């Protein structure tokens, strides 16, 4: 079993692979106040919820955009599973060509998503992650990262509206609006947030396509991918587990390079 953990700005996604099959996946909220042993208990509970055990874990890998949590969760995994996790970052070879000014600046979350997208062999591709931030990564026909774009995510935008306006409420983002022209305050906000994000995805993808000079495939991932994909007017595919898959691929390539069997 391989434990994969993607630490985001708001959520921590946890997956357990048995070979190439994702046996379980779940998520928990980011909390910088929790100690390593507390995270170990939470991870153990999450595994148990799906009928899995910590002693089944033979290897682990994590990516993180929250440096204060990286060491603590790495320590939690070591104590719980008795394996030392790999950490995606400078020094860990991923096999991903990164053609930007400073490759070390590309976030580990974007790296793992791009590694998985490259494996899909779709030709030139834009990977859009719809999470705390809305990010776009452009990959050329050789699977090399050519650059990225970062915008506030829907959750950040909703928080800004609710906190900084007097009459706009907090709303759920689980259902789409009936149309672009809202007849109520809630529908108007959903139109702006959900359809506005879909338009952002379409527009940024088109511009990246124009700059590359080739037609691209579009992959949506992240928390809101299943919600936004049906609202897009261009062909796309939703792959919510892209980062977990990328982590597995990076781990396997690292193990193959070292000639390891993944034993404890």
Protein backbone atom coordinates (compact mmCIF):
# COMPACT_ATOMS: atom_id res chain seq x y z
CA UNK A 1 0.00 0.00 0.00
CA UNK A 2 1.16 3.53 -0.81
CA UNK A 3 -0.04 6.49 1.27
CA UNK A 4 -0.28 9.75 -0.69
CA UNK A 5 -1.00 13.10 0.96
CA UNK A 6 -1.58 16.44 -0.78
CA UNK A 7 -1.46 19.35 1.68
CA UNK A 8 -3.35 22.33 0.26
CA UNK A 9 -4.13 25.77 1.64
CA UNK A 10 -7.53 24.75 3.05
CA UNK A 11 -7.70 20.95 2.88
CA UNK A 12 -5.42 17.94 3.17
CA UNK A 13 -6.25 15.16 0.71
CA UNK A 14 -5.29 11.64 1.69
CA UNK A 15 -5.27 8.62 -0.59
CA UNK A 16 -4.19 5.00 -0.29
CA UNK A 17 -3.11 3.11 -3.40
CA UNK A 18 -3.01 -0.65 -3.75
CA UNK A 19 -0.94 -1.02 -6.87
CA UNK A 20 -2.47 1.40 -9.37
CA UNK A 21 -5.91 1.27 -7.73
CA UNK A 22 -6.99 4.12 -5.46
CA UNK A 23 -8.41 2.09 -2.59
CA UNK A 24 -9.56 5.09 -0.55
CA UNK A 25 -9.42 8.86 -0.59
CA UNK A 26 -10.63 11.42 1.90
CA UNK A 27 -9.80 14.91 3.12
CA UNK A 28 -9.46 16.88 6.32
CA UNK A 29 -9.23 20.57 7.11
CA UNK A 30 -5.89 22.31 7.43
CA UNK A 31 -5.16 23.27 11.05
CA UNK A 32 -1.73 24.67 11.82
CA UNK A 33 -2.38 24.33 15.57
CA UNK A 34 -2.57 20.51 15.52
CA UNK A 35 0.49 18.62 16.75
CA UNK A 36 2.06 15.72 14.80
CA UNK A 37 0.59 13.06 17.13
CA UNK A 38 -2.87 14.58 16.65
CA UNK A 39 -2.47 14.37 12.88
CA UNK A 40 -1.31 10.75 13.29
CA UNK A 41 -4.56 9.97 15.12
CA UNK A 42 -6.60 11.73 12.43
CA UNK A 43 -4.85 9.83 9.62
CA UNK A 44 -5.30 6.55 11.49
CA UNK A 45 -9.01 7.28 11.93
CA UNK A 46 -9.35 8.15 8.24
CA UNK A 47 -7.72 4.86 7.22
CA UNK A 48 -9.91 2.91 9.64
CA UNK A 49 -13.04 4.55 8.26
CA UNK A 50 -12.34 2.81 4.93
CA UNK A 51 -11.29 -0.50 6.45
CA UNK A 52 -7.56 0.15 6.01
CA UNK A 53 -4.73 -0.16 8.52
CA UNK A 54 -1.55 1.82 9.06
CA UNK A 55 0.56 -1.36 9.13
CA UNK A 56 -0.48 -2.03 5.51
CA UNK A 57 1.39 1.08 4.37
CA UNK A 58 4.72 0.25 2.72
CA UNK A 59 5.57 3.69 1.37
CA UNK A 60 4.41 7.30 1.52
CA UNK A 61 4.79 10.55 -0.39
CA UNK A 62 3.42 14.02 0.22
CA UNK A 63 3.24 17.40 -1.46
CA UNK A 64 2.62 20.60 0.43
CA UNK A 65 1.87 24.28 -0.16
CA UNK A 66 1.83 24.84 3.61
CA UNK A 67 5.45 24.70 4.85
CA UNK A 68 4.44 24.95 8.55
CA UNK A 69 2.55 21.65 8.19
CA UNK A 70 5.06 19.70 6.11
CA UNK A 71 7.34 18.59 8.93
CA UNK A 72 4.48 17.81 11.32
CA UNK A 73 2.58 15.59 8.89
CA UNK A 74 5.78 13.92 7.75
CA UNK A 75 6.52 13.13 11.40
CA UNK A 76 2.95 11.90 11.92
CA UNK A 77 3.27 9.44 9.02
CA UNK A 78 6.63 8.18 10.28
CA UNK A 79 5.22 7.50 13.75
CA UNK A 80 2.02 5.92 12.49
CA UNK A 81 3.23 3.87 9.53
CA UNK A 82 6.94 3.48 10.31
CA UNK A 83 7.94 4.69 6.83
CA UNK A 84 9.73 7.90 5.87
CA UNK A 85 7.63 9.83 3.34
CA UNK A 86 9.11 11.38 0.24
CA UNK A 87 8.37 15.10 -0.06
CA UNK A 88 7.82 16.65 -3.49
CA UNK A 89 10.12 19.61 -3.97
CA UNK A 90 13.55 20.66 -5.21
CA UNK A 91 15.86 17.66 -5.02
CA UNK A 92 13.19 15.04 -5.74
CA UNK A 93 13.25 14.17 -9.41
CA UNK A 94 9.81 13.98 -11.00
CA UNK A 95 10.65 13.49 -14.67
CA UNK A 96 8.67 16.66 -15.47
CA UNK A 97 10.37 19.21 -17.76
CA UNK A 98 9.69 22.69 -16.32
CA UNK A 99 10.51 25.50 -18.75
CA UNK A 100 9.99 28.59 -16.61
CA UNK A 101 12.54 31.11 -15.32
CA UNK A 102 12.96 29.38 -11.96
CA UNK A 103 11.59 25.80 -11.93
CA UNK A 104 11.83 25.71 -8.11
CA UNK A 105 9.05 28.33 -7.97
CA UNK A 106 6.45 25.97 -9.43
CA UNK A 107 4.35 24.80 -6.47
CA UNK A 108 4.51 21.11 -5.59
CA UNK A 109 0.74 20.89 -6.03
CA UNK A 110 1.04 22.08 -9.62
CA UNK A 111 3.96 19.73 -10.21
CA UNK A 112 2.02 16.65 -9.12
CA UNK A 113 -0.99 17.61 -11.25
CA UNK A 114 1.23 18.20 -14.28
CA UNK A 115 3.01 14.86 -13.82
CA UNK A 116 -0.34 13.06 -13.93
CA UNK A 117 -1.58 15.12 -16.88
CA UNK A 118 1.61 14.33 -18.81
CA UNK A 119 0.95 10.62 -18.26
CA UNK A 120 -2.41 11.02 -20.02
CA UNK A 121 -0.62 11.91 -23.28
CA UNK A 122 -3.26 14.36 -24.49
CA UNK A 123 -0.81 16.58 -26.36
CA UNK A 124 -0.74 20.30 -25.48
CA UNK A 125 -2.77 20.65 -22.27
CA UNK A 126 -4.03 23.20 -19.80
CA UNK A 127 -4.51 21.87 -16.27
CA UNK A 128 -6.88 24.04 -14.24
CA UNK A 129 -7.11 23.41 -10.50
CA UNK A 130 -10.25 24.80 -8.88
CA UNK A 131 -9.50 24.98 -5.17
CA UNK A 132 -8.58 27.72 -2.72
CA UNK A 133 -6.93 29.38 -5.71
CA UNK A 134 -7.82 28.88 -9.36
CA UNK A 135 -4.61 27.92 -11.12
CA UNK A 136 -3.76 27.19 -14.74
CA UNK A 137 -0.70 25.28 -15.92
CA UNK A 138 0.15 25.21 -19.64
CA UNK A 139 1.94 22.13 -20.99
CA UNK A 140 3.24 21.82 -24.53
CA UNK A 141 3.07 18.82 -26.84
CA UNK A 142 6.19 17.31 -25.28
CA UNK A 143 4.63 17.42 -21.82
CA UNK A 144 6.81 20.29 -20.60
CA UNK A 145 5.41 22.99 -18.34
CA UNK A 146 5.57 26.33 -20.13
CA UNK A 147 4.08 28.54 -17.43
CA UNK A 148 1.13 29.16 -15.15
CA UNK A 149 -1.54 31.62 -14.09
CA UNK A 150 -3.00 32.09 -10.61
CA UNK A 151 -6.29 33.74 -9.62
CA UNK A 152 -8.42 33.81 -6.44
CA UNK A 153 -10.58 30.73 -6.06
CA UNK A 154 -14.35 30.70 -5.62
CA UNK A 155 -14.14 30.23 -1.87
CA UNK A 156 -11.84 33.24 -1.47
CA UNK A 157 -14.13 35.31 -3.71
CA UNK A 158 -17.21 34.29 -1.73
CA UNK A 159 -15.51 35.16 1.57
CA UNK A 160 -14.54 38.57 0.18
CA UNK A 161 -18.10 39.29 -0.92
CA UNK A 162 -19.67 38.19 2.36
CA UNK A 163 -17.17 40.02 4.57
CA UNK A 164 -16.79 43.26 2.67
CA UNK A 165 -20.34 43.98 1.58
CA UNK A 166 -23.23 44.84 3.86
CA UNK A 167 -26.05 42.87 2.24
CA UNK A 168 -24.51 39.87 0.52
CA UNK A 169 -24.83 36.60 2.48
CA UNK A 170 -22.76 33.44 2.70
CA UNK A 171 -24.17 30.95 0.20
CA UNK A 172 -23.53 27.33 -0.72
CA UNK A 173 -21.78 26.59 -4.00
CA UNK A 174 -23.09 23.06 -4.42
CA UNK A 175 -25.75 23.82 -7.02
CA UNK A 176 -25.52 26.03 -10.12
CA UNK A 177 -27.75 29.06 -10.77
CA UNK A 178 -30.71 28.74 -13.16
CA UNK A 179 -29.01 31.11 -15.59
CA UNK A 180 -26.58 33.96 -16.06
CA UNK A 181 -29.20 36.56 -15.11
CA UNK A 182 -30.07 36.01 -11.46
CA UNK A 183 -33.56 36.89 -10.19
CA UNK A 184 -32.57 36.71 -6.51
CA UNK A 185 -29.50 37.78 -4.56
CA UNK A 186 -28.41 34.17 -4.07
CA UNK A 187 -28.86 33.28 -7.75
CA UNK A 188 -27.03 36.45 -8.76
CA UNK A 189 -24.07 35.53 -6.54
CA UNK A 190 -24.05 31.97 -7.85
CA UNK A 191 -24.09 33.31 -11.39
CA UNK A 192 -21.10 35.52 -10.72
CA UNK A 193 -19.12 32.90 -8.82
CA UNK A 194 -19.94 29.70 -10.72
CA UNK A 195 -20.63 30.89 -14.25
CA UNK A 196 -17.97 33.57 -13.81
CA UNK A 197 -15.44 30.87 -12.94
CA UNK A 198 -16.52 28.81 -15.95
CA UNK A 199 -15.99 31.86 -18.15
CA UNK A 200 -12.58 32.43 -16.54
CA UNK A 201 -11.62 28.83 -17.31
CA UNK A 202 -12.75 29.15 -20.92
CA UNK A 203 -11.15 32.56 -21.44
CA UNK A 204 -7.77 31.78 -19.86
CA UNK A 205 -7.57 28.47 -21.71
CA UNK A 206 -8.25 30.23 -25.02
CA UNK A 207 -5.58 32.84 -24.33
CA UNK A 208 -3.00 30.22 -23.37
CA UNK A 209 -3.94 28.29 -26.49
CA UNK A 210 -3.34 31.40 -28.59
CA UNK A 211 0.03 32.08 -26.97
CA UNK A 212 1.15 28.49 -27.49
CA UNK A 213 -0.14 28.52 -31.06
CA UNK A 214 -1.76 25.10 -30.78
CA UNK A 215 -5.12 23.71 -29.72
CA UNK A 216 -4.99 22.35 -26.18
CA UNK A 217 -6.87 19.77 -24.14
CA UNK A 218 -8.41 21.03 -20.88
CA UNK A 219 -8.30 19.13 -17.61
CA UNK A 220 -10.13 20.39 -14.52
CA UNK A 221 -9.10 19.21 -11.07
CA UNK A 222 -9.51 20.31 -7.47
CA UNK A 223 -12.49 20.57 -5.14
CA UNK A 224 -14.80 22.42 -7.52
CA UNK A 225 -13.89 20.60 -10.74
CA UNK A 226 -17.02 18.39 -10.82
CA UNK A 227 -19.18 21.49 -10.31
CA UNK A 228 -17.55 23.70 -12.95
CA UNK A 229 -16.93 21.11 -15.69
CA UNK A 230 -20.63 20.86 -16.72
CA UNK A 231 -20.82 24.67 -16.93
CA UNK A 232 -17.93 25.02 -19.38
CA UNK A 233 -18.80 25.52 -23.03
CA UNK A 234 -15.63 23.92 -24.31
CA UNK A 235 -14.73 20.27 -24.06
CA UNK A 236 -12.99 19.38 -20.82
CA UNK A 237 -12.55 16.48 -18.46
CA UNK A 238 -12.85 16.56 -14.67
CA UNK A 239 -10.13 14.64 -12.81
CA UNK A 240 -10.55 15.42 -9.09
CA UNK A 241 -7.89 12.87 -8.07
CA UNK A 242 -5.19 14.18 -10.42
CA UNK A 243 -2.82 15.27 -7.61
CA UNK A 244 -3.06 11.90 -5.84
CA UNK A 245 -2.33 10.08 -9.08
CA UNK A 246 0.64 12.36 -9.71
CA UNK A 247 2.04 11.60 -6.26
CA UNK A 248 1.83 7.86 -6.97
CA UNK A 249 3.63 8.29 -10.29
CA UNK A 250 6.43 10.35 -8.71
CA UNK A 251 6.86 7.77 -5.94
CA UNK A 252 7.02 4.87 -8.39
CA UNK A 253 9.57 6.62 -10.60
CA UNK A 254 11.73 7.47 -7.58
CA UNK A 255 11.60 3.85 -6.40
CA UNK A 256 12.43 2.51 -9.86
CA UNK A 257 15.37 4.90 -10.12
CA UNK A 258 16.75 3.67 -6.81
CA UNK A 259 15.93 0.03 -7.54
CA UNK A 260 13.83 -0.25 -4.38
CA UNK A 261 10.95 -2.59 -3.67
CA UNK A 262 9.07 -0.21 -1.37
CA UNK A 263 9.60 -2.30 1.76
CA UNK A 264 9.42 -0.84 5.22
